[in-house]
Amino acid sequence: MAERPIPLRVFQQTRRLLMIDHTGVVVSDLARARRFYDAIAAALGLQTADNGPEAFLFGKSAVEPIPYLWIGTTRPSYWVEGSRAGLNQMHVALQARDKAMVDAFHRAALENGGTDNGPPGPRQGAGAYYGAFVLDPDGNNIEACARGKATK
């Protein structure tokens, strides 16, 4: 017998399962990356937390950060051999409550070492979607986006 999906009301009353648990990026300068990610965390209502001397976590809560983005200067054990900062850029899209939060993210990123990679605005072909893109100091494409009613 096939498993039945969890009823929506039960799903909402329990700890939600998320598609992503964690991902990570290697950076060349931890202090520079920390300034950048602390600034965009504040703009998005997120937090950063130390994770040893060569890394930190970026997520919703410093106490229970899952899902989180691991950011560090050493190659994580789960990375493919040969991966290094600046060579394996990635894209991460972070949720924002509304357009104002997307705008604040973009401003904070540019003021803290980020490079514009797409100014805040609606994205064609994406429906009710408002996003902004920046490159972090190591070239990773970081986006903040609001969907649906949040884009009005």
Protein backbone atom coordinates (compact mmCIF):
# COMPACT_ATOMS: atom_id res chain seq x y z
CA MET A 1 0.00 0.00 0.00
CA ALA A 2 1.38 3.41 -0.98
CA GLU A 3 2.00 5.98 1.74
CA ARG A 4 -0.55 8.76 1.89
CA PRO A 5 0.63 12.36 1.97
CA ILE A 6 0.54 14.16 5.30
CA PRO A 7 -2.68 16.23 5.60
CA LEU A 8 -1.99 19.96 5.29
CA ARG A 9 -3.32 20.77 8.79
CA VAL A 10 -0.98 18.16 10.35
CA PHE A 11 1.93 19.41 8.26
CA GLN A 12 1.32 22.99 9.44
CA GLN A 13 1.09 21.97 13.11
CA THR A 14 4.36 20.05 13.11
CA ARG A 15 7.86 21.09 12.22
CA ARG A 16 7.74 21.67 8.49
CA LEU A 17 10.04 19.60 6.38
CA LEU A 18 12.03 21.76 4.01
CA MET A 19 13.48 20.76 0.69
CA ILE A 20 16.95 22.10 1.53
CA ASP A 21 18.71 21.34 4.82
CA HIS A 22 22.00 23.11 4.10
CA THR A 23 24.45 24.09 1.44
CA GLY A 24 27.83 25.78 1.58
CA VAL A 25 30.26 28.11 -0.10
CA VAL A 26 33.98 28.48 0.32
CA VAL A 27 35.21 32.06 0.61
CA SER A 28 38.68 33.52 0.36
CA ASP A 29 38.41 36.01 3.25
CA LEU A 30 36.21 35.08 6.23
CA ALA A 31 36.10 38.56 7.79
CA ARG A 32 35.08 40.16 4.48
CA ALA A 33 32.43 37.48 3.90
CA ARG A 34 31.13 37.87 7.47
CA ARG A 35 30.62 41.63 6.99
CA PHE A 36 28.73 41.00 3.74
CA TYR A 37 26.52 38.18 5.08
CA ASP A 38 25.88 39.91 8.43
CA ALA A 39 24.58 42.94 6.50
CA ILE A 40 22.25 40.98 4.21
CA ALA A 41 21.11 38.82 7.15
CA ALA A 42 20.02 41.95 9.01
CA ALA A 43 18.18 43.25 5.93
CA LEU A 44 16.28 39.94 5.58
CA GLY A 45 15.57 39.30 9.27
CA LEU A 46 18.07 36.41 9.36
CA GLN A 47 21.08 35.68 11.56
CA THR A 48 24.64 34.44 11.38
CA ALA A 49 26.36 32.22 13.93
CA ASP A 50 29.96 31.13 14.44
CA ASN A 51 30.78 27.58 13.32
CA GLY A 52 34.36 27.13 14.42
CA PRO A 53 37.32 29.40 13.70
CA GLU A 54 37.10 29.10 9.90
CA ALA A 55 33.35 29.19 9.21
CA PHE A 56 29.95 30.58 10.13
CA LEU A 57 26.32 29.71 9.45
CA PHE A 58 23.72 31.93 7.81
CA GLY A 59 20.08 31.10 8.56
CA LYS A 60 16.77 31.98 10.19
CA SER A 61 18.03 31.52 13.75
CA ALA A 62 21.41 31.23 15.41
CA VAL A 63 19.87 28.71 17.84
CA GLU A 64 18.26 26.43 15.24
CA PRO A 65 19.56 27.58 11.86
CA ILE A 66 18.21 24.80 9.60
CA PRO A 67 18.06 25.39 6.74
CA TYR A 68 21.39 27.14 6.64
CA LEU A 69 24.16 28.27 4.37
CA TRP A 70 27.61 27.20 5.62
CA ILE A 71 30.26 29.80 4.76
CA GLY A 72 33.92 29.11 5.42
CA THR A 73 37.51 29.32 4.25
CA THR A 74 38.20 25.58 4.27
CA ARG A 75 36.83 23.03 1.84
CA PRO A 76 33.89 21.23 3.50
CA SER A 77 34.12 17.44 3.60
CA TYR A 78 31.11 17.14 1.28
CA TRP A 79 32.65 19.20 -1.54
CA VAL A 80 34.15 17.70 -4.66
CA GLU A 81 37.95 17.58 -4.59
CA GLY A 82 39.47 20.66 -6.23
CA SER A 83 36.67 23.04 -5.25
CA ARG A 84 38.00 26.45 -4.22
CA ALA A 85 36.64 29.90 -3.51
CA GLY A 86 35.94 31.81 -6.69
CA LEU A 87 36.07 28.74 -8.96
CA ASN A 88 32.73 27.10 -8.23
CA GLN A 89 30.26 29.94 -7.96
CA MET A 90 26.74 29.09 -6.96
CA HIS A 91 23.32 30.72 -6.87
CA VAL A 92 21.27 30.99 -3.68
CA ALA A 93 17.82 32.64 -3.56
CA LEU A 94 16.69 33.91 -0.15
CA GLN A 95 13.05 34.58 0.67
CA ALA A 96 11.97 38.11 1.51
CA ARG A 97 8.64 39.16 3.05
CA ASP A 98 8.05 41.96 0.57
CA LYS A 99 9.55 44.34 -1.98
CA ALA A 100 10.93 46.64 0.71
CA MET A 101 12.92 43.76 2.18
CA VAL A 102 14.32 42.88 -1.28
CA ASP A 103 15.34 46.52 -1.73
CA ALA A 104 16.98 46.58 1.73
CA PHE A 105 18.89 43.37 0.92
CA HIS A 106 20.23 44.86 -2.31
CA ARG A 107 21.28 48.11 -0.62
CA ALA A 108 22.98 46.28 2.28
CA ALA A 109 24.83 43.97 -0.09
CA LEU A 110 26.18 46.81 -2.23
CA GLU A 111 27.24 48.77 0.87
CA ASN A 112 29.17 45.75 2.19
CA GLY A 113 31.28 44.53 -0.71
CA GLY A 114 28.64 43.05 -3.02
CA THR A 115 28.39 43.77 -6.75
CA ASP A 116 25.09 44.43 -8.50
CA ASN A 117 24.03 41.47 -10.65
CA GLY A 118 20.44 42.58 -11.28
CA PRO A 119 18.71 45.52 -9.57
CA PRO A 120 15.50 45.07 -7.56
CA GLY A 121 12.44 44.70 -9.74
CA PRO A 122 9.85 42.36 -11.20
CA ARG A 123 11.21 39.49 -13.27
CA GLN A 124 9.55 38.84 -16.61
CA GLY A 125 8.09 35.39 -17.11
CA ALA A 126 8.13 34.61 -13.40
CA GLY A 127 4.60 35.72 -12.50
CA ALA A 128 4.26 37.77 -9.32
CA TYR A 129 7.97 37.77 -8.53
CA TYR A 130 10.19 40.63 -7.35
CA GLY A 131 13.88 39.97 -6.94
CA ALA A 132 17.36 41.45 -6.73
CA PHE A 133 20.70 39.80 -7.47
CA VAL A 134 24.17 40.54 -6.12
CA LEU A 135 27.53 38.85 -6.34
CA ASP A 136 29.16 38.29 -2.96
CA PRO A 137 32.87 39.20 -2.63
CA ASP A 138 33.81 35.76 -4.04
CA GLY A 139 31.46 35.87 -7.03
CA ASN A 140 28.56 33.78 -5.69
CA ASN A 141 25.19 34.95 -7.06
CA ILE A 142 22.98 35.78 -4.06
CA GLU A 143 19.34 36.70 -4.67
CA ALA A 144 16.50 37.92 -2.49
CA CYS A 145 12.97 37.44 -3.78
CA ALA A 146 9.37 38.05 -2.83
CA ARG A 147 6.50 36.15 -4.45
CA GLY A 148 2.77 36.54 -4.85
CA LYS A 149 0.97 39.17 -2.78
CA ALA A 150 4.30 40.32 -1.31
CA THR A 151 5.15 41.86 -4.69
CA LYS A 152 2.24 44.34 -4.70
